[in-house]
Amino acid sequence: MYGAHAAFRGHRSGVAAGSAQPRLMCLSRPPPRHPKAEAAGVACELWCDDVERCAAFFRRLGMPERFRFPPDGEPRQVEVDAAGVRIGFSSARVGAELFGITTIPGENTEVVLWCDDVDGLHRTALDAGGEPVTSPTDSPDGRLRYAWLRDPEGHRVKLVQERG
């Protein structure tokens, strides 16, 4: 066991001079039984009263849909891809009924979207049904430009652009 593990871990096994038998280098201790758990990806979940309306808003901002359940009819869950991070939109009603999770859509959530053009994305978001919170403005030190709005379910969305 130890030899097989040692060979797997990149240790070399060889043949001793004058012998046809392989020589195995062993580890001083066995491999761990439970490897360290690590996150394989990142997602955020937004609880919604109207999953489709919320997902449609983010799709209109250019985020492709990656998951939908059920595939037909009123969705309970929709996910979009936001620069490699999944944003999920889940039915607050279903969360309460199936999982006993009490949720209130909106208020306690903020999604931050980094972009190259805050003003342009802000206009697109408003055209997609977003509600303005603040107009695009520069940070006091001039390094960032940002704006806030709310998606159709009331989740706060912050748009941020790094200034060059």
C-alpha atoms as a PDB file:
ATOM      1  CA  MET A   1       0.000   0.000   0.000  1.00  0.00           C
ATOM      2  CA  TYR A   2       2.664   2.466   0.988  1.00  0.00           C
ATOM      3  CA  GLY A   3       4.730   1.760  -2.082  1.00  0.00           C
ATOM      4  CA  ALA A   4       1.808   2.205  -4.415  1.00  0.00           C
ATOM      5  CA  HIS A   5       0.999   5.477  -2.716  1.00  0.00           C
ATOM      6  CA  ALA A   6       4.630   6.574  -2.895  1.00  0.00           C
ATOM      7  CA  ALA A   7       4.756   5.845  -6.623  1.00  0.00           C
ATOM      8  CA  PHE A   8       1.489   7.702  -7.118  1.00  0.00           C
ATOM      9  CA  ARG A   9       2.810  10.727  -5.233  1.00  0.00           C
ATOM     10  CA  GLY A  10       5.686  11.038  -7.655  1.00  0.00           C
ATOM     11  CA  HIS A  11       8.306   8.997  -5.783  1.00  0.00           C
ATOM     12  CA  ARG A  12      10.332   6.780  -8.038  1.00  0.00           C
ATOM     13  CA  SER A  13      10.493   3.055  -7.823  1.00  0.00           C
ATOM     14  CA  GLY A  14      13.421   1.363  -9.512  1.00  0.00           C
ATOM     15  CA  VAL A  15      15.329  -1.850  -9.908  1.00  0.00           C
ATOM     16  CA  ALA A  16      18.242  -2.519  -7.581  1.00  0.00           C
ATOM     17  CA  ALA A  17      21.565  -3.200  -9.323  1.00  0.00           C
ATOM     18  CA  GLY A  18      21.859  -6.885 -10.210  1.00  0.00           C
ATOM     19  CA  SER A  19      18.254  -7.598  -9.289  1.00  0.00           C
ATOM     20  CA  ALA A  20      15.107  -8.036 -11.321  1.00  0.00           C
ATOM     21  CA  GLN A  21      12.943  -6.996  -8.367  1.00  0.00           C
ATOM     22  CA  PRO A  22      11.630  -3.456  -8.239  1.00  0.00           C
ATOM     23  CA  ARG A  23      12.672  -1.370  -5.282  1.00  0.00           C
ATOM     24  CA  LEU A  24       9.837   0.690  -3.785  1.00  0.00           C
ATOM     25  CA  MET A  25      10.333   3.827  -1.778  1.00  0.00           C
ATOM     26  CA  CYS A  26       7.773   4.049   0.988  1.00  0.00           C
ATOM     27  CA  LEU A  27       6.292   6.982   2.798  1.00  0.00           C
ATOM     28  CA  SER A  28       6.937   7.178   6.506  1.00  0.00           C
ATOM     29  CA  ARG A  29       3.183   7.300   7.234  1.00  0.00           C
ATOM     30  CA  PRO A  30       0.004   6.236   5.468  1.00  0.00           C
ATOM     31  CA  PRO A  31      -1.931   8.704   3.351  1.00  0.00           C
ATOM     32  CA  PRO A  32      -4.690  10.616   5.141  1.00  0.00           C
ATOM     33  CA  ARG A  33      -8.036   8.848   5.179  1.00  0.00           C
ATOM     34  CA  HIS A  34     -10.003  12.080   4.618  1.00  0.00           C
ATOM     35  CA  PRO A  35      -8.488  14.586   2.217  1.00  0.00           C
ATOM     36  CA  LYS A  36      -8.868  18.267   3.073  1.00  0.00           C
ATOM     37  CA  ALA A  37     -12.206  19.617   1.834  1.00  0.00           C
ATOM     38  CA  GLU A  38     -12.004  22.634  -0.439  1.00  0.00           C
ATOM     39  CA  ALA A  39     -14.620  24.612  -2.337  1.00  0.00           C
ATOM     40  CA  ALA A  40     -14.731  23.780  -6.029  1.00  0.00           C
ATOM     41  CA  GLY A  41     -16.710  26.837  -7.107  1.00  0.00           C
ATOM     42  CA  VAL A  42     -18.539  29.930  -5.968  1.00  0.00           C
ATOM     43  CA  ALA A  43     -22.205  30.836  -6.268  1.00  0.00           C
ATOM     44  CA  CYS A  44     -24.604  33.185  -4.578  1.00  0.00           C
ATOM     45  CA  GLU A  45     -28.307  32.586  -4.113  1.00  0.00           C
ATOM     46  CA  LEU A  46     -30.998  35.261  -4.329  1.00  0.00           C
ATOM     47  CA  TRP A  47     -34.422  34.331  -2.931  1.00  0.00           C
ATOM     48  CA  CYS A  48     -37.222  35.658  -5.131  1.00  0.00           C
ATOM     49  CA  ASP A  49     -40.994  35.888  -5.279  1.00  0.00           C
ATOM     50  CA  ASP A  50     -40.807  35.796  -9.101  1.00  0.00           C
ATOM     51  CA  VAL A  51     -37.802  33.689 -10.168  1.00  0.00           C
ATOM     52  CA  GLU A  52     -38.323  34.208 -13.905  1.00  0.00           C
ATOM     53  CA  ARG A  53     -38.592  37.997 -13.648  1.00  0.00           C
ATOM     54  CA  CYS A  54     -35.386  38.227 -11.609  1.00  0.00           C
ATOM     55  CA  ALA A  55     -33.463  35.820 -13.878  1.00  0.00           C
ATOM     56  CA  ALA A  56     -34.656  37.691 -16.993  1.00  0.00           C
ATOM     57  CA  PHE A  57     -33.238  40.935 -15.578  1.00  0.00           C
ATOM     58  CA  PHE A  58     -29.742  39.436 -15.181  1.00  0.00           C
ATOM     59  CA  ARG A  59     -29.919  37.699 -18.590  1.00  0.00           C
ATOM     60  CA  ARG A  60     -30.589  41.119 -20.120  1.00  0.00           C
ATOM     61  CA  LEU A  61     -27.345  42.308 -18.524  1.00  0.00           C
ATOM     62  CA  GLY A  62     -25.537  39.694 -20.639  1.00  0.00           C
ATOM     63  CA  MET A  63     -25.362  36.782 -18.184  1.00  0.00           C
ATOM     64  CA  PRO A  64     -26.196  33.487 -19.903  1.00  0.00           C
ATOM     65  CA  GLU A  65     -28.567  31.052 -18.234  1.00  0.00           C
ATOM     66  CA  ARG A  66     -26.801  27.849 -17.112  1.00  0.00           C
ATOM     67  CA  PHE A  67     -29.457  25.961 -15.145  1.00  0.00           C
ATOM     68  CA  ARG A  68     -33.259  25.847 -14.822  1.00  0.00           C
ATOM     69  CA  PHE A  69     -35.493  23.628 -12.708  1.00  0.00           C
ATOM     70  CA  PRO A  70     -37.916  22.417 -13.696  1.00  0.00           C
ATOM     71  CA  PRO A  71     -37.044  22.703 -17.392  1.00  0.00           C
ATOM     72  CA  ASP A  72     -40.661  23.603 -18.286  1.00  0.00           C
ATOM     73  CA  GLY A  73     -43.271  25.644 -16.475  1.00  0.00           C
ATOM     74  CA  GLU A  74     -42.788  28.009 -13.552  1.00  0.00           C
ATOM     75  CA  PRO A  75     -39.148  27.812 -12.440  1.00  0.00           C
ATOM     76  CA  ARG A  76     -38.196  27.055  -8.857  1.00  0.00           C
ATOM     77  CA  GLN A  77     -34.507  27.689  -9.567  1.00  0.00           C
ATOM     78  CA  VAL A  78     -32.620  29.460 -12.362  1.00  0.00           C
ATOM     79  CA  GLU A  79     -28.868  30.094 -12.471  1.00  0.00           C
ATOM     80  CA  VAL A  80     -26.869  32.474 -14.669  1.00  0.00           C
ATOM     81  CA  ASP A  81     -23.118  32.770 -15.178  1.00  0.00           C
ATOM     82  CA  ALA A  82     -21.567  36.066 -14.043  1.00  0.00           C
ATOM     83  CA  ALA A  83     -17.894  36.016 -15.080  1.00  0.00           C
ATOM     84  CA  GLY A  84     -17.427  32.474 -13.761  1.00  0.00           C
ATOM     85  CA  VAL A  85     -19.589  32.863 -10.650  1.00  0.00           C
ATOM     86  CA  ARG A  86     -23.070  31.374 -10.613  1.00  0.00           C
ATOM     87  CA  ILE A  87     -25.919  33.569  -9.446  1.00  0.00           C
ATOM     88  CA  GLY A  88     -28.935  31.490  -8.516  1.00  0.00           C
ATOM     89  CA  PHE A  89     -32.503  32.721  -8.236  1.00  0.00           C
ATOM     90  CA  SER A  90     -34.617  30.513  -5.976  1.00  0.00           C
ATOM     91  CA  SER A  91     -38.292  30.609  -5.140  1.00  0.00           C
ATOM     92  CA  ALA A  92     -38.764  31.952  -1.615  1.00  0.00           C
ATOM     93  CA  ARG A  93     -42.104  30.131  -1.439  1.00  0.00           C
ATOM     94  CA  VAL A  94     -40.541  26.783  -2.380  1.00  0.00           C
ATOM     95  CA  GLY A  95     -37.666  27.354   0.057  1.00  0.00           C
ATOM     96  CA  ALA A  96     -40.159  27.797   2.861  1.00  0.00           C
ATOM     97  CA  GLU A  97     -42.388  24.872   1.811  1.00  0.00           C
ATOM     98  CA  LEU A  98     -39.725  22.274   1.017  1.00  0.00           C
ATOM     99  CA  PHE A  99     -36.791  23.231   3.224  1.00  0.00           C
ATOM    100  CA  GLY A 100     -38.304  25.254   6.061  1.00  0.00           C
ATOM    101  CA  ILE A 101     -36.089  28.220   5.145  1.00  0.00           C
ATOM    102  CA  THR A 102     -37.771  31.525   5.924  1.00  0.00           C
ATOM    103  CA  THR A 103     -36.585  34.131   3.444  1.00  0.00           C
ATOM    104  CA  ILE A 104     -37.498  37.674   2.515  1.00  0.00           C
ATOM    105  CA  PRO A 105     -36.536  38.633  -1.051  1.00  0.00           C
ATOM    106  CA  GLY A 106     -34.553  41.809  -1.575  1.00  0.00           C
ATOM    107  CA  GLU A 107     -33.292  44.114   1.163  1.00  0.00           C
ATOM    108  CA  ASN A 108     -30.532  42.005   2.761  1.00  0.00           C
ATOM    109  CA  THR A 109     -28.597  41.224  -0.399  1.00  0.00           C
ATOM    110  CA  GLU A 110     -26.178  43.053  -2.667  1.00  0.00           C
ATOM    111  CA  VAL A 111     -24.682  41.733  -5.885  1.00  0.00           C
ATOM    112  CA  VAL A 112     -21.542  43.579  -7.018  1.00  0.00           C
ATOM    113  CA  LEU A 113     -20.845  43.550 -10.751  1.00  0.00           C
ATOM    114  CA  TRP A 114     -17.445  44.789 -11.929  1.00  0.00           C
ATOM    115  CA  CYS A 115     -17.564  46.160 -15.451  1.00  0.00           C
ATOM    116  CA  ASP A 116     -15.760  48.366 -17.980  1.00  0.00           C
ATOM    117  CA  ASP A 117     -18.566  50.932 -18.378  1.00  0.00           C
ATOM    118  CA  VAL A 118     -20.716  51.712 -15.325  1.00  0.00           C
ATOM    119  CA  ASP A 119     -22.769  54.327 -17.170  1.00  0.00           C
ATOM    120  CA  GLY A 120     -23.587  51.968 -20.049  1.00  0.00           C
ATOM    121  CA  LEU A 121     -24.410  48.994 -17.819  1.00  0.00           C
ATOM    122  CA  HIS A 122     -26.497  51.246 -15.569  1.00  0.00           C
ATOM    123  CA  ARG A 123     -28.598  52.333 -18.594  1.00  0.00           C
ATOM    124  CA  THR A 124     -28.943  48.689 -19.690  1.00  0.00           C
ATOM    125  CA  ALA A 125     -30.018  47.661 -16.183  1.00  0.00           C
ATOM    126  CA  LEU A 126     -32.654  50.406 -16.004  1.00  0.00           C
ATOM    127  CA  ASP A 127     -33.951  49.441 -19.466  1.00  0.00           C
ATOM    128  CA  ALA A 128     -34.152  45.828 -18.217  1.00  0.00           C
ATOM    129  CA  GLY A 129     -36.463  46.831 -15.359  1.00  0.00           C
ATOM    130  CA  GLY A 130     -34.026  47.875 -12.640  1.00  0.00           C
ATOM    131  CA  GLU A 131     -34.939  50.680 -10.235  1.00  0.00           C
ATOM    132  CA  PRO A 132     -32.307  53.406  -9.685  1.00  0.00           C
ATOM    133  CA  VAL A 133     -30.847  53.913  -6.202  1.00  0.00           C
ATOM    134  CA  THR A 134     -27.914  56.211  -7.076  1.00  0.00           C
ATOM    135  CA  SER A 135     -26.708  57.570 -10.400  1.00  0.00           C
ATOM    136  CA  PRO A 136     -23.216  56.687 -11.617  1.00  0.00           C
ATOM    137  CA  THR A 137     -20.612  58.717  -9.736  1.00  0.00           C
ATOM    138  CA  ASP A 138     -16.867  58.717  -9.107  1.00  0.00           C
ATOM    139  CA  SER A 139     -15.372  57.678  -5.781  1.00  0.00           C
ATOM    140  CA  PRO A 140     -13.817  60.505  -3.724  1.00  0.00           C
ATOM    141  CA  ASP A 141     -10.296  59.378  -4.692  1.00  0.00           C
ATOM    142  CA  GLY A 142     -11.236  58.992  -8.375  1.00  0.00           C
ATOM    143  CA  ARG A 143     -10.120  55.349  -8.606  1.00  0.00           C
ATOM    144  CA  LEU A 144     -13.615  53.890  -9.048  1.00  0.00           C
ATOM    145  CA  ARG A 145     -16.900  54.761 -10.703  1.00  0.00           C
ATOM    146  CA  TYR A 146     -20.011  53.142  -9.250  1.00  0.00           C
ATOM    147  CA  ALA A 147     -23.796  53.152  -9.082  1.00  0.00           C
ATOM    148  CA  TRP A 148     -26.490  51.259  -7.197  1.00  0.00           C
ATOM    149  CA  LEU A 149     -29.872  50.028  -8.375  1.00  0.00           C
ATOM    150  CA  ARG A 150     -32.406  47.363  -7.435  1.00  0.00           C
ATOM    151  CA  ASP A 151     -33.355  44.396  -9.587  1.00  0.00           C
ATOM    152  CA  PRO A 152     -37.077  43.685 -10.122  1.00  0.00           C
ATOM    153  CA  GLU A 153     -37.196  41.654  -6.864  1.00  0.00           C
ATOM    154  CA  GLY A 154     -35.594  44.434  -4.811  1.00  0.00           C
ATOM    155  CA  HIS A 155     -32.069  42.986  -4.486  1.00  0.00           C
ATOM    156  CA  ARG A 156     -29.488  45.774  -4.396  1.00  0.00           C
ATOM    157  CA  VAL A 157     -27.037  45.673  -7.322  1.00  0.00           C
ATOM    158  CA  LYS A 158     -23.807  47.666  -7.258  1.00  0.00           C
ATOM    159  CA  LEU A 159     -22.015  48.378 -10.523  1.00  0.00           C
ATOM    160  CA  VAL A 160     -18.296  49.156 -10.194  1.00  0.00           C
ATOM    161  CA  GLN A 161     -15.705  50.278 -12.735  1.00  0.00           C
ATOM    162  CA  GLU A 162     -12.015  50.695 -12.031  1.00  0.00           C
ATOM    163  CA  ARG A 163     -10.742  53.980 -13.472  1.00  0.00           C
ATOM    164  CA  GLY A 164      -7.528  53.896 -15.467  1.00  0.00           C
END
